[in-house]
């Protein structure tokens, strides 16, 4: 899964990792992305991580912002 591979390159606390992965899963569900090898998953994961690093703690908010910033829907 894209986010787990990418998170290895970031210094994040376990709670931050948990929030980011939850936001990632939410975004994939909302966007109906089932193929985890789809290149879109990398784009979503990178955006989720970037937003999670800003200090936003709510996974739902992180997910919504990522979708909005990627202009997907």
N, C-alpha and C. Protein backbone atom coordinates (compact mmCIF):
# COMPACT_ATOMS: atom_id res chain seq x y z
N UNK A 1 0.84 -1.17 0.00
CA UNK A 1 0.00 0.00 0.00
C UNK A 1 0.89 1.24 0.00
N UNK A 2 0.54 2.19 -0.81
CA UNK A 2 1.38 3.37 -1.04
C UNK A 2 1.74 4.14 0.22
N UNK A 3 0.78 4.35 1.08
CA UNK A 3 1.05 5.21 2.24
C UNK A 3 2.05 4.58 3.19
N UNK A 4 1.98 3.29 3.38
CA UNK A 4 2.91 2.63 4.31
C UNK A 4 4.34 2.72 3.79
N UNK A 5 4.50 2.53 2.50
CA UNK A 5 5.83 2.63 1.88
C UNK A 5 6.37 4.04 2.02
N UNK A 6 5.53 5.03 1.79
CA UNK A 6 5.97 6.43 1.86
C UNK A 6 6.25 6.88 3.29
N UNK A 7 5.47 6.41 4.23
CA UNK A 7 5.64 6.84 5.61
C UNK A 7 6.99 6.43 6.20
N UNK A 8 7.62 5.44 5.61
CA UNK A 8 8.94 5.02 6.09
C UNK A 8 9.98 6.13 5.93
N UNK A 9 9.70 7.08 5.03
CA UNK A 9 10.64 8.16 4.75
C UNK A 9 10.39 9.41 5.59
N UNK A 10 9.40 9.36 6.48
CA UNK A 10 9.04 10.53 7.27
C UNK A 10 9.18 10.22 8.76
N UNK A 11 9.61 11.22 9.49
CA UNK A 11 9.70 11.09 10.94
C UNK A 11 8.37 11.56 11.53
N UNK A 12 7.50 10.61 11.79
CA UNK A 12 6.18 10.92 12.34
C UNK A 12 5.94 10.05 13.56
N UNK A 13 5.24 10.61 14.53
CA UNK A 13 4.86 9.88 15.73
C UNK A 13 3.82 8.81 15.36
N UNK A 14 3.71 7.76 16.16
CA UNK A 14 2.73 6.71 15.87
C UNK A 14 1.30 7.23 15.71
N UNK A 15 0.90 8.21 16.53
CA UNK A 15 -0.46 8.76 16.40
C UNK A 15 -0.63 9.47 15.06
N UNK A 16 0.42 10.16 14.61
CA UNK A 16 0.36 10.84 13.31
C UNK A 16 0.25 9.83 12.18
N UNK A 17 1.00 8.75 12.29
CA UNK A 17 0.94 7.69 11.28
C UNK A 17 -0.46 7.09 11.24
N UNK A 18 -1.03 6.86 12.40
CA UNK A 18 -2.38 6.29 12.49
C UNK A 18 -3.41 7.22 11.84
N UNK A 19 -3.32 8.50 12.13
CA UNK A 19 -4.25 9.47 11.53
C UNK A 19 -4.08 9.53 10.02
N UNK A 20 -2.84 9.51 9.57
CA UNK A 20 -2.58 9.59 8.12
C UNK A 20 -3.11 8.35 7.41
N UNK A 21 -2.90 7.18 7.99
CA UNK A 21 -3.38 5.96 7.33
C UNK A 21 -4.90 5.90 7.35
N UNK A 22 -5.51 6.38 8.42
CA UNK A 22 -6.98 6.42 8.47
C UNK A 22 -7.52 7.39 7.41
N UNK A 23 -6.89 8.54 7.28
CA UNK A 23 -7.30 9.52 6.28
C UNK A 23 -7.13 8.95 4.86
N UNK A 24 -6.05 8.25 4.66
CA UNK A 24 -5.77 7.62 3.36
C UNK A 24 -6.86 6.61 3.01
N UNK A 25 -7.19 5.75 3.96
CA UNK A 25 -8.23 4.75 3.73
C UNK A 25 -9.58 5.42 3.44
N UNK A 26 -9.88 6.48 4.16
CA UNK A 26 -11.13 7.21 3.92
C UNK A 26 -11.15 7.79 2.51
N UNK A 27 -10.05 8.40 2.11
CA UNK A 27 -9.98 9.01 0.78
C UNK A 27 -10.17 7.95 -0.31
N UNK A 28 -9.54 6.81 -0.14
CA UNK A 28 -9.69 5.74 -1.13
C UNK A 28 -11.13 5.26 -1.21
N UNK A 29 -11.79 5.14 -0.04
CA UNK A 29 -13.20 4.74 -0.03
C UNK A 29 -14.08 5.77 -0.72
N UNK A 30 -13.88 7.03 -0.39
CA UNK A 30 -14.69 8.11 -0.96
C UNK A 30 -14.52 8.15 -2.48
N UNK A 31 -13.29 7.96 -2.93
CA UNK A 31 -12.99 8.03 -4.36
C UNK A 31 -13.22 6.69 -5.09
N UNK A 32 -13.64 5.68 -4.33
CA UNK A 32 -13.89 4.35 -4.89
C UNK A 32 -12.67 3.77 -5.60
N UNK A 33 -11.51 3.98 -5.01
CA UNK A 33 -10.27 3.41 -5.56
C UNK A 33 -10.07 2.05 -4.91
N UNK A 34 -10.22 1.01 -5.70
CA UNK A 34 -10.08 -0.34 -5.18
C UNK A 34 -8.73 -0.96 -5.55
N UNK A 35 -8.18 -0.54 -6.66
CA UNK A 35 -6.90 -1.08 -7.14
C UNK A 35 -5.77 -0.35 -6.42
N UNK A 36 -5.13 -1.02 -5.48
CA UNK A 36 -4.07 -0.39 -4.68
C UNK A 36 -2.79 -0.17 -5.49
N UNK A 37 -2.74 -0.69 -6.71
CA UNK A 37 -1.59 -0.46 -7.58
C UNK A 37 -1.83 0.72 -8.53
N UNK A 38 -3.01 1.32 -8.44
CA UNK A 38 -3.34 2.47 -9.27
C UNK A 38 -2.39 3.62 -8.90
N UNK A 39 -1.80 4.30 -9.89
CA UNK A 39 -0.90 5.42 -9.60
C UNK A 39 -1.56 6.53 -8.77
N UNK A 40 -2.87 6.60 -8.83
CA UNK A 40 -3.61 7.59 -8.05
C UNK A 40 -3.37 7.40 -6.55
N UNK A 41 -3.14 6.15 -6.12
CA UNK A 41 -2.93 5.91 -4.69
C UNK A 41 -1.67 6.62 -4.18
N UNK A 42 -0.64 6.68 -5.01
CA UNK A 42 0.58 7.41 -4.62
C UNK A 42 0.30 8.90 -4.47
N UNK A 43 -0.43 9.45 -5.42
CA UNK A 43 -0.77 10.88 -5.35
C UNK A 43 -1.57 11.19 -4.09
N UNK A 44 -2.54 10.35 -3.79
CA UNK A 44 -3.36 10.54 -2.60
C UNK A 44 -2.51 10.42 -1.34
N UNK A 45 -1.67 9.40 -1.28
CA UNK A 45 -0.83 9.19 -0.11
C UNK A 45 0.10 10.37 0.14
N UNK A 46 0.73 10.87 -0.89
CA UNK A 46 1.64 12.01 -0.74
C UNK A 46 0.90 13.24 -0.23
N UNK A 47 -0.29 13.49 -0.76
CA UNK A 47 -1.07 14.64 -0.33
C UNK A 47 -1.52 14.48 1.12
N UNK A 48 -1.96 13.28 1.48
CA UNK A 48 -2.38 12.99 2.86
C UNK A 48 -1.23 13.26 3.82
N UNK A 49 -0.05 12.77 3.50
CA UNK A 49 1.11 12.96 4.37
C UNK A 49 1.44 14.44 4.50
N UNK A 50 1.43 15.15 3.40
CA UNK A 50 1.73 16.59 3.43
C UNK A 50 0.76 17.32 4.35
N UNK A 51 -0.53 17.02 4.22
CA UNK A 51 -1.54 17.69 5.03
C UNK A 51 -1.42 17.26 6.50
N UNK A 52 -1.18 15.99 6.73
CA UNK A 52 -1.04 15.48 8.11
C UNK A 52 0.12 16.17 8.83
N UNK A 53 1.14 16.53 8.11
CA UNK A 53 2.31 17.19 8.71
C UNK A 53 2.04 18.64 9.10
N UNK A 54 0.90 19.18 8.68
CA UNK A 54 0.58 20.57 9.03
C UNK A 54 0.02 20.69 10.43
N UNK A 55 -0.27 19.54 11.05
CA UNK A 55 -0.79 19.57 12.41
C UNK A 55 -2.28 19.29 12.51
N UNK A 56 -2.95 19.14 11.40
CA UNK A 56 -4.37 18.78 11.43
C UNK A 56 -4.47 17.37 11.99
N UNK A 57 -5.36 17.20 12.96
CA UNK A 57 -5.43 15.92 13.66
C UNK A 57 -6.61 15.05 13.25
N UNK A 58 -7.63 15.61 12.64
CA UNK A 58 -8.83 14.85 12.29
C UNK A 58 -8.64 14.15 10.93
N UNK A 59 -8.64 12.81 10.93
CA UNK A 59 -8.45 12.08 9.67
C UNK A 59 -9.48 12.42 8.60
N UNK A 60 -10.71 12.67 9.02
CA UNK A 60 -11.75 13.03 8.06
C UNK A 60 -11.44 14.36 7.40
N UNK A 61 -10.96 15.31 8.17
CA UNK A 61 -10.58 16.61 7.63
C UNK A 61 -9.36 16.48 6.70
N UNK A 62 -8.40 15.69 7.11
CA UNK A 62 -7.21 15.46 6.28
C UNK A 62 -7.62 14.86 4.94
N UNK A 63 -8.48 13.85 4.99
CA UNK A 63 -8.96 13.18 3.78
C UNK A 63 -9.69 14.17 2.87
N UNK A 64 -10.61 14.95 3.44
CA UNK A 64 -11.38 15.91 2.64
C UNK A 64 -10.48 16.95 2.00
N UNK A 65 -9.50 17.45 2.75
CA UNK A 65 -8.58 18.45 2.20
C UNK A 65 -7.73 17.86 1.07
N UNK A 66 -7.30 16.63 1.23
CA UNK A 66 -6.50 15.99 0.20
C UNK A 66 -7.30 15.84 -1.09
N UNK A 67 -8.53 15.38 -0.97
CA UNK A 67 -9.39 15.23 -2.15
C UNK A 67 -9.62 16.59 -2.81
N UNK A 68 -9.87 17.58 -1.99
CA UNK A 68 -10.12 18.94 -2.51
C UNK A 68 -8.87 19.47 -3.24
N UNK A 69 -7.70 19.32 -2.60
CA UNK A 69 -6.47 19.83 -3.19
C UNK A 69 -6.09 19.09 -4.48
N UNK A 70 -6.43 17.81 -4.54
CA UNK A 70 -6.14 17.04 -5.76
C UNK A 70 -7.19 17.28 -6.84
N UNK A 71 -8.25 18.00 -6.47
CA UNK A 71 -9.34 18.31 -7.39
C UNK A 71 -9.92 17.06 -8.03
N UNK A 72 -10.16 16.07 -7.17
CA UNK A 72 -10.75 14.80 -7.60
C UNK A 72 -12.14 14.69 -7.02
N UNK A 73 -13.03 14.18 -7.81
CA UNK A 73 -14.37 13.88 -7.30
C UNK A 73 -15.33 13.67 -8.39
